[in-house]
Amino acid sequence: DMPPNFCRGNINNDHPEIPNWPVNTIPEEF
């Protein structure tokens, strides 16, 4: 279910408070 950008910058207009929808925070360690 993961796109090549790892959902970076994805926006769900129903949940604008969640970045990189639906992954949420992309860990810096990753």
PDB file of all heavy atoms in Angstrom:
ATOM      1  N   ASP A   1       0.817  -1.238   0.000  1.00  0.00           N
ATOM      2  CA  ASP A   1       0.000   0.000   0.000  1.00  0.00           C
ATOM      3  C   ASP A   1       0.840   1.273   0.000  1.00  0.00           C
ATOM      4  O   ASP A   1       0.285   2.364   0.175  1.00  0.00           O
ATOM      5  CB  ASP A   1      -0.955   0.060   1.212  1.00  0.00           C
ATOM      6  CG  ASP A   1      -1.869  -1.132   1.301  1.00  0.00           C
ATOM      7  OD1 ASP A   1      -2.464  -1.480   0.276  1.00  0.00           O
ATOM      8  OD2 ASP A   1      -2.001  -1.712   2.392  1.00  0.00           O
ATOM      9  N   MET A   2       2.138   1.156  -0.164  1.00  0.00           N
ATOM     10  CA  MET A   2       3.011   2.312  -0.007  1.00  0.00           C
ATOM     11  C   MET A   2       3.459   2.848  -1.375  1.00  0.00           C
ATOM     12  O   MET A   2       4.018   2.103  -2.179  1.00  0.00           O
ATOM     13  CB  MET A   2       4.244   1.939   0.819  1.00  0.00           C
ATOM     14  CG  MET A   2       5.090   3.124   1.245  1.00  0.00           C
ATOM     15  SD  MET A   2       4.271   4.216   2.452  1.00  0.00           S
ATOM     16  CE  MET A   2       4.358   3.207   3.941  1.00  0.00           C
ATOM     17  N   PRO A   3       3.238   4.152  -1.632  1.00  0.00           N
ATOM     18  CA  PRO A   3       3.704   4.745  -2.889  1.00  0.00           C
ATOM     19  C   PRO A   3       5.209   5.010  -2.843  1.00  0.00           C
ATOM     20  O   PRO A   3       5.831   4.934  -1.769  1.00  0.00           O
ATOM     21  CB  PRO A   3       2.912   6.050  -2.964  1.00  0.00           C
ATOM     22  CG  PRO A   3       2.661   6.417  -1.537  1.00  0.00           C
ATOM     23  CD  PRO A   3       2.490   5.112  -0.805  1.00  0.00           C
ATOM     24  N   PRO A   4       5.808   5.354  -3.979  1.00  0.00           N
ATOM     25  CA  PRO A   4       7.267   5.524  -4.015  1.00  0.00           C
ATOM     26  C   PRO A   4       7.781   6.698  -3.189  1.00  0.00           C
ATOM     27  O   PRO A   4       8.960   6.722  -2.842  1.00  0.00           O
ATOM     28  CB  PRO A   4       7.572   5.718  -5.506  1.00  0.00           C
ATOM     29  CG  PRO A   4       6.288   6.121  -6.123  1.00  0.00           C
ATOM     30  CD  PRO A   4       5.215   5.460  -5.323  1.00  0.00           C
ATOM     31  N   ASN A   5       6.918   7.689  -2.868  1.00  0.00           N
ATOM     32  CA  ASN A   5       7.358   8.810  -2.026  1.00  0.00           C
ATOM     33  C   ASN A   5       7.091   8.558  -0.549  1.00  0.00           C
ATOM     34  O   ASN A   5       7.258   9.450   0.279  1.00  0.00           O
ATOM     35  CB  ASN A   5       6.682  10.114  -2.458  1.00  0.00           C
ATOM     36  CG  ASN A   5       5.184  10.106  -2.213  1.00  0.00           C
ATOM     37  OD1 ASN A   5       4.588   9.067  -1.918  1.00  0.00           O
ATOM     38  ND2 ASN A   5       4.556  11.276  -2.329  1.00  0.00           N
ATOM     39  N   PHE A   6       6.669   7.329  -0.215  1.00  0.00           N
ATOM     40  CA  PHE A   6       6.348   6.963   1.167  1.00  0.00           C
ATOM     41  C   PHE A   6       5.317   7.914   1.780  1.00  0.00           C
ATOM     42  O   PHE A   6       5.359   8.210   2.966  1.00  0.00           O
ATOM     43  CB  PHE A   6       7.622   6.886   2.022  1.00  0.00           C
ATOM     44  CG  PHE A   6       8.571   5.813   1.566  1.00  0.00           C
ATOM     45  CD1 PHE A   6       9.628   6.121   0.717  1.00  0.00           C
ATOM     46  CD2 PHE A   6       8.384   4.492   1.942  1.00  0.00           C
ATOM     47  CE1 PHE A   6      10.493   5.125   0.263  1.00  0.00           C
ATOM     48  CE2 PHE A   6       9.243   3.487   1.492  1.00  0.00           C
ATOM     49  CZ  PHE A   6      10.297   3.809   0.655  1.00  0.00           C
ATOM     50  N   CYS A   7       4.407   8.396   0.937  1.00  0.00           N
ATOM     51  CA  CYS A   7       3.288   9.279   1.327  1.00  0.00           C
ATOM     52  C   CYS A   7       3.739  10.679   1.737  1.00  0.00           C
ATOM     53  O   CYS A   7       2.950  11.456   2.293  1.00  0.00           O
ATOM     54  CB  CYS A   7       2.447   8.654   2.447  1.00  0.00           C
ATOM     55  SG  CYS A   7       1.622   7.121   1.964  1.00  0.00           S
ATOM     56  N   ARG A   8       4.972  11.026   1.449  1.00  0.00           N
ATOM     57  CA  ARG A   8       5.493  12.333   1.824  1.00  0.00           C
ATOM     58  C   ARG A   8       4.693  13.448   1.128  1.00  0.00           C
ATOM     59  O   ARG A   8       4.585  13.484  -0.087  1.00  0.00           O
ATOM     60  CB  ARG A   8       6.963  12.447   1.435  1.00  0.00           C
ATOM     61  CG  ARG A   8       7.707  13.613   2.085  1.00  0.00           C
ATOM     62  CD  ARG A   8       9.149  13.625   1.624  1.00  0.00           C
ATOM     63  NE  ARG A   8       9.776  12.327   1.818  1.00  0.00           N
ATOM     64  CZ  ARG A   8      10.348  11.948   2.958  1.00  0.00           C
ATOM     65  NH1 ARG A   8      10.372  12.774   3.982  1.00  0.00           N
ATOM     66  NH2 ARG A   8      10.910  10.758   3.057  1.00  0.00           N
ATOM     67  N   GLY A   9       4.097  14.340   1.920  1.00  0.00           N
ATOM     68  CA  GLY A   9       3.339  15.464   1.390  1.00  0.00           C
ATOM     69  C   GLY A   9       1.900  15.148   1.035  1.00  0.00           C
ATOM     70  O   GLY A   9       1.168  16.044   0.601  1.00  0.00           O
ATOM     71  N   ASN A  10       1.469  13.895   1.208  1.00  0.00           N
ATOM     72  CA  ASN A  10       0.075  13.557   0.910  1.00  0.00           C
ATOM     73  C   ASN A  10      -0.877  14.304   1.836  1.00  0.00           C
ATOM     74  O   ASN A  10      -0.627  14.412   3.047  1.00  0.00           O
ATOM     75  CB  ASN A  10      -0.162  12.051   1.069  1.00  0.00           C
ATOM     76  CG  ASN A  10       0.419  11.241  -0.073  1.00  0.00           C
ATOM     77  OD1 ASN A  10       1.121  11.774  -0.932  1.00  0.00           O
ATOM     78  ND2 ASN A  10       0.141   9.952  -0.089  1.00  0.00           N
ATOM     79  N   ILE A  11      -1.975  14.802   1.281  1.00  0.00           N
ATOM     80  CA  ILE A  11      -2.972  15.554   2.048  1.00  0.00           C
ATOM     81  C   ILE A  11      -4.336  14.909   1.877  1.00  0.00           C
ATOM     82  O   ILE A  11      -4.762  14.615   0.758  1.00  0.00           O
ATOM     83  CB  ILE A  11      -3.036  17.022   1.589  1.00  0.00           C
ATOM     84  CG1 ILE A  11      -1.691  17.720   1.853  1.00  0.00           C
ATOM     85  CG2 ILE A  11      -4.164  17.768   2.299  1.00  0.00           C
ATOM     86  CD1 ILE A  11      -1.616  19.117   1.257  1.00  0.00           C
ATOM     87  N   ASN A  12      -4.999  14.659   2.989  1.00  0.00           N
ATOM     88  CA  ASN A  12      -6.391  14.220   2.984  1.00  0.00           C
ATOM     89  C   ASN A  12      -7.223  15.389   3.505  1.00  0.00           C
ATOM     90  O   ASN A  12      -7.096  15.781   4.671  1.00  0.00           O
ATOM     91  CB  ASN A  12      -6.567  12.991   3.877  1.00  0.00           C
ATOM     92  CG  ASN A  12      -7.985  12.442   3.866  1.00  0.00           C
ATOM     93  OD1 ASN A  12      -8.946  13.175   3.657  1.00  0.00           O
ATOM     94  ND2 ASN A  12      -8.124  11.144   4.099  1.00  0.00           N
ATOM     95  N   ASN A  13      -8.064  15.952   2.647  1.00  0.00           N
ATOM     96  CA  ASN A  13      -8.815  17.145   3.034  1.00  0.00           C
ATOM     97  C   ASN A  13      -9.773  16.900   4.186  1.00  0.00           C
ATOM     98  O   ASN A  13     -10.184  17.844   4.867  1.00  0.00           O
ATOM     99  CB  ASN A  13      -9.588  17.691   1.824  1.00  0.00           C
ATOM    100  CG  ASN A  13      -8.667  18.282   0.772  1.00  0.00           C
ATOM    101  OD1 ASN A  13      -7.604  18.829   1.111  1.00  0.00           O
ATOM    102  ND2 ASN A  13      -9.033  18.173  -0.492  1.00  0.00           N
ATOM    103  N   ASP A  14     -10.132  15.638   4.419  1.00  0.00           N
ATOM    104  CA  ASP A  14     -10.992  15.321   5.564  1.00  0.00           C
ATOM    105  C   ASP A  14     -10.206  15.272   6.867  1.00  0.00           C
ATOM    106  O   ASP A  14     -10.797  15.331   7.948  1.00  0.00           O
ATOM    107  CB  ASP A  14     -11.695  13.975   5.346  1.00  0.00           C
ATOM    108  CG  ASP A  14     -12.706  14.028   4.219  1.00  0.00           C
ATOM    109  OD1 ASP A  14     -13.283  15.121   3.996  1.00  0.00           O
ATOM    110  OD2 ASP A  14     -12.914  13.002   3.550  1.00  0.00           O
ATOM    111  N   HIS A  15      -8.889  15.122   6.757  1.00  0.00           N
ATOM    112  CA  HIS A  15      -8.031  15.060   7.954  1.00  0.00           C
ATOM    113  C   HIS A  15      -6.777  15.902   7.720  1.00  0.00           C
ATOM    114  O   HIS A  15      -5.653  15.378   7.699  1.00  0.00           O
ATOM    115  CB  HIS A  15      -7.653  13.612   8.273  1.00  0.00           C
ATOM    116  CG  HIS A  15      -8.812  12.755   8.641  1.00  0.00           C
ATOM    117  ND1 HIS A  15      -9.378  12.765   9.898  1.00  0.00           N
ATOM    118  CD2 HIS A  15      -9.539  11.864   7.903  1.00  0.00           C
ATOM    119  CE1 HIS A  15     -10.385  11.913   9.932  1.00  0.00           C
ATOM    120  NE2 HIS A  15     -10.519  11.368   8.732  1.00  0.00           N
ATOM    121  N   PRO A  16      -6.933  17.202   7.545  1.00  0.00           N
ATOM    122  CA  PRO A  16      -5.774  18.046   7.237  1.00  0.00           C
ATOM    123  C   PRO A  16      -4.757  18.104   8.376  1.00  0.00           C
ATOM    124  O   PRO A  16      -3.618  18.514   8.162  1.00  0.00           O
ATOM    125  CB  PRO A  16      -6.400  19.415   6.974  1.00  0.00           C
ATOM    126  CG  PRO A  16      -7.692  19.391   7.718  1.00  0.00           C
ATOM    127  CD  PRO A  16      -8.177  17.976   7.636  1.00  0.00           C
ATOM    128  N   GLU A  17      -5.173  17.698   9.563  1.00  0.00           N
ATOM    129  CA  GLU A  17      -4.267  17.733  10.712  1.00  0.00           C
ATOM    130  C   GLU A  17      -3.234  16.610  10.677  1.00  0.00           C
ATOM    131  O   GLU A  17      -2.248  16.636  11.445  1.00  0.00           O
ATOM    132  CB  GLU A  17      -5.071  17.643  12.021  1.00  0.00           C
ATOM    133  CG  GLU A  17      -5.628  16.277  12.378  1.00  0.00           C
ATOM    134  CD  GLU A  17      -6.886  15.869  11.588  1.00  0.00           C
ATOM    135  OE1 GLU A  17      -7.316  16.636  10.699  1.00  0.00           O
ATOM    136  OE2 GLU A  17      -7.416  14.782  11.870  1.00  0.00           O
ATOM    137  N   ILE A  18      -3.425  15.616   9.799  1.00  0.00           N
ATOM    138  CA  ILE A  18      -2.508  14.474   9.727  1.00  0.00           C
ATOM    139  C   ILE A  18      -1.588  14.660   8.527  1.00  0.00           C
ATOM    140  O   ILE A  18      -2.035  14.612   7.378  1.00  0.00           O
ATOM    141  CB  ILE A  18      -3.279  13.144   9.608  1.00  0.00           C
ATOM    142  CG1 ILE A  18      -4.159  12.948  10.847  1.00  0.00           C
ATOM    143  CG2 ILE A  18      -2.305  11.975   9.452  1.00  0.00           C
ATOM    144  CD1 ILE A  18      -5.021  11.700  10.797  1.00  0.00           C
ATOM    145  N   PRO A  19      -0.297  14.886   8.759  1.00  0.00           N
ATOM    146  CA  PRO A  19       0.631  15.070   7.636  1.00  0.00           C
ATOM    147  C   PRO A  19       0.939  13.740   6.959  1.00  0.00           C
ATOM    148  O   PRO A  19       0.805  12.665   7.569  1.00  0.00           O
ATOM    149  CB  PRO A  19       1.880  15.642   8.312  1.00  0.00           C
ATOM    150  CG  PRO A  19       1.846  15.070   9.697  1.00  0.00           C
ATOM    151  CD  PRO A  19       0.384  14.978  10.065  1.00  0.00           C
ATOM    152  N   ASN A  20       1.348  13.822   5.706  1.00  0.00           N
ATOM    153  CA  ASN A  20       1.803  12.631   4.974  1.00  0.00           C
ATOM    154  C   ASN A  20       0.762  11.505   5.051  1.00  0.00           C
ATOM    155  O   ASN A  20       1.081  10.357   5.353  1.00  0.00           O
ATOM    156  CB  ASN A  20       3.149  12.140   5.529  1.00  0.00           C
ATOM    157  CG  ASN A  20       4.154  13.252   5.670  1.00  0.00           C
ATOM    158  OD1 ASN A  20       4.418  13.984   4.725  1.00  0.00           O
ATOM    159  ND2 ASN A  20       4.703  13.407   6.865  1.00  0.00           N
ATOM    160  N   TRP A  21      -0.491  11.866   4.799  1.00  0.00           N
ATOM    161  CA  TRP A  21      -1.599  10.909   4.934  1.00  0.00           C
ATOM    162  C   TRP A  21      -1.349   9.647   4.097  1.00  0.00           C
ATOM    163  O   TRP A  21      -0.931   9.734   2.965  1.00  0.00           O
ATOM    164  CB  TRP A  21      -2.903  11.570   4.480  1.00  0.00           C
ATOM    165  CG  TRP A  21      -4.066  10.634   4.493  1.00  0.00           C
ATOM    166  CD1 TRP A  21      -4.520   9.860   3.450  1.00  0.00           C
ATOM    167  CD2 TRP A  21      -4.913  10.335   5.601  1.00  0.00           C
ATOM    168  NE1 TRP A  21      -5.595   9.114   3.828  1.00  0.00           N
ATOM    169  CE2 TRP A  21      -5.860   9.372   5.155  1.00  0.00           C
ATOM    170  CE3 TRP A  21      -4.967  10.785   6.921  1.00  0.00           C
ATOM    171  CZ2 TRP A  21      -6.846   8.862   5.987  1.00  0.00           C
ATOM    172  CZ3 TRP A  21      -5.948  10.271   7.748  1.00  0.00           C
ATOM    173  CH2 TRP A  21      -6.869   9.326   7.284  1.00  0.00           C
ATOM    174  N   PRO A  22      -1.639   8.449   4.686  1.00  0.00           N
ATOM    175  CA  PRO A  22      -2.050   8.154   6.055  1.00  0.00           C
ATOM    176  C   PRO A  22      -0.895   7.727   6.965  1.00  0.00           C
ATOM    177  O   PRO A  22      -1.119   7.199   8.043  1.00  0.00           O
ATOM    178  CB  PRO A  22      -3.013   6.997   5.854  1.00  0.00           C
ATOM    179  CG  PRO A  22      -2.398   6.236   4.710  1.00  0.00           C
ATOM    180  CD  PRO A  22      -1.781   7.274   3.806  1.00  0.00           C
ATOM    181  N   VAL A  23       0.337   7.971   6.526  1.00  0.00           N
ATOM    182  CA  VAL A  23       1.502   7.536   7.303  1.00  0.00           C
ATOM    183  C   VAL A  23       1.696   8.369   8.556  1.00  0.00           C
ATOM    184  O   VAL A  23       2.139   7.885   9.587  1.00  0.00           O
ATOM    185  CB  VAL A  23       2.768   7.589   6.406  1.00  0.00           C
ATOM    186  CG1 VAL A  23       4.031   7.507   7.232  1.00  0.00           C
ATOM    187  CG2 VAL A  23       2.732   6.449   5.388  1.00  0.00           C
ATOM    188  N   ASN A  24       1.339   9.647   8.479  1.00  0.00           N
ATOM    189  CA  ASN A  24       1.594  10.606   9.549  1.00  0.00           C
ATOM    190  C   ASN A  24       3.096  10.934   9.555  1.00  0.00           C
ATOM    191  O   ASN A  24       3.710  11.041   8.512  1.00  0.00           O
ATOM    192  CB  ASN A  24       1.096  10.085  10.900  1.00  0.00           C
ATOM    193  CG  ASN A  24       0.772  11.211  11.879  1.00  0.00           C
ATOM    194  OD1 ASN A  24       1.405  12.266  11.872  1.00  0.00           O
ATOM    195  ND2 ASN A  24      -0.231  11.010  12.714  1.00  0.00           N
ATOM    196  N   THR A  25       3.700  11.084  10.695  1.00  0.00           N
ATOM    197  CA  THR A  25       5.099  11.504  10.765  1.00  0.00           C
ATOM    198  C   THR A  25       6.027  10.476  10.116  1.00  0.00           C
ATOM    199  O   THR A  25       5.926   9.273  10.391  1.00  0.00           O
ATOM    200  CB  THR A  25       5.520  11.695  12.233  1.00  0.00           C
ATOM    201  OG1 THR A  25       4.676  12.673  12.835  1.00  0.00           O
ATOM    202  CG2 THR A  25       6.970  12.138  12.326  1.00  0.00           C
ATOM    203  N   ILE A  26       6.892  10.961   9.237  1.00  0.00           N
ATOM    204  CA  ILE A  26       7.931  10.101   8.663  1.00  0.00           C
ATOM    205  C   ILE A  26       9.159  10.215   9.557  1.00  0.00           C
ATOM    206  O   ILE A  26       9.737  11.297   9.696  1.00  0.00           O
ATOM    207  CB  ILE A  26       8.257  10.512   7.221  1.00  0.00           C
ATOM    208  CG1 ILE A  26       7.015  10.322   6.336  1.00  0.00           C
ATOM    209  CG2 ILE A  26       9.443   9.712   6.682  1.00  0.00           C
ATOM    210  CD1 ILE A  26       7.184  10.798   4.913  1.00  0.00           C
ATOM    211  N   PRO A  27       9.566   9.120  10.199  1.00  0.00           N
ATOM    212  CA  PRO A  27      10.667   9.206  11.162  1.00  0.00           C
ATOM    213  C   PRO A  27      11.965   9.696  10.524  1.00  0.00           C
ATOM    214  O   PRO A  27      12.336   9.246   9.435  1.00  0.00           O
ATOM    215  CB  PRO A  27      10.815   7.771  11.686  1.00  0.00           C
ATOM    216  CG  PRO A  27       9.527   7.099  11.336  1.00  0.00           C
ATOM    217  CD  PRO A  27       9.028   7.751  10.090  1.00  0.00           C
ATOM    218  N   GLU A  28      12.645  10.583  11.191  1.00  0.00           N
ATOM    219  CA  GLU A  28      13.940  11.068  10.708  1.00  0.00           C
ATOM    220  C   GLU A  28      14.922   9.914  10.587  1.00  0.00           C
ATOM    221  O   GLU A  28      15.747   9.877   9.676  1.00  0.00           O
ATOM    222  CB  GLU A  28      14.482  12.128  11.661  1.00  0.00           C
ATOM    223  CG  GLU A  28      15.935  12.533  11.425  1.00  0.00           C
ATOM    224  CD  GLU A  28      16.180  13.080  10.013  1.00  0.00           C
ATOM    225  OE1 GLU A  28      15.242  13.638   9.399  1.00  0.00           O
ATOM    226  OE2 GLU A  28      17.325  12.954   9.525  1.00  0.00           O
ATOM    227  N   GLU A  29      14.832   8.943  11.496  1.00  0.00           N
ATOM    228  CA  GLU A  29      15.738   7.798  11.438  1.00  0.00           C
ATOM    229  C   GLU A  29      15.538   6.979  10.164  1.00  0.00           C
ATOM    230  O   GLU A  29      16.483   6.401   9.628  1.00  0.00           O
ATOM    231  CB  GLU A  29      15.536   6.897  12.664  1.00  0.00           C
ATOM    232  CG  GLU A  29      15.839   7.578  13.986  1.00  0.00           C
ATOM    233  CD  GLU A  29      14.587   8.203  14.606  1.00  0.00           C
ATOM    234  OE1 GLU A  29      13.656   8.572  13.839  1.00  0.00           O
ATOM    235  OE2 GLU A  29      14.545   8.304  15.841  1.00  0.00           O
ATOM    236  N   PHE A  30      14.290   6.937   9.684  1.00  0.00           N
ATOM    237  CA  PHE A  30      14.014   6.248   8.422  1.00  0.00           C
ATOM    238  C   PHE A  30      14.683   6.987   7.265  1.00  0.00           C
ATOM    239  O   PHE A  30      15.360   6.372   6.429  1.00  0.00           O
ATOM    240  CB  PHE A  30      12.502   6.150   8.192  1.00  0.00           C
ATOM    241  CG  PHE A  30      12.121   5.583   6.855  1.00  0.00           C
ATOM    242  CD1 PHE A  30      12.137   4.214   6.643  1.00  0.00           C
ATOM    243  CD2 PHE A  30      11.767   6.416   5.803  1.00  0.00           C
ATOM    244  CE1 PHE A  30      11.801   3.683   5.406  1.00  0.00           C
ATOM    245  CE2 PHE A  30      11.422   5.901   4.569  1.00  0.00           C
ATOM    246  CZ  PHE A  30      11.444   4.527   4.376  1.00  0.00           C
TER     247      PHE A  30
END
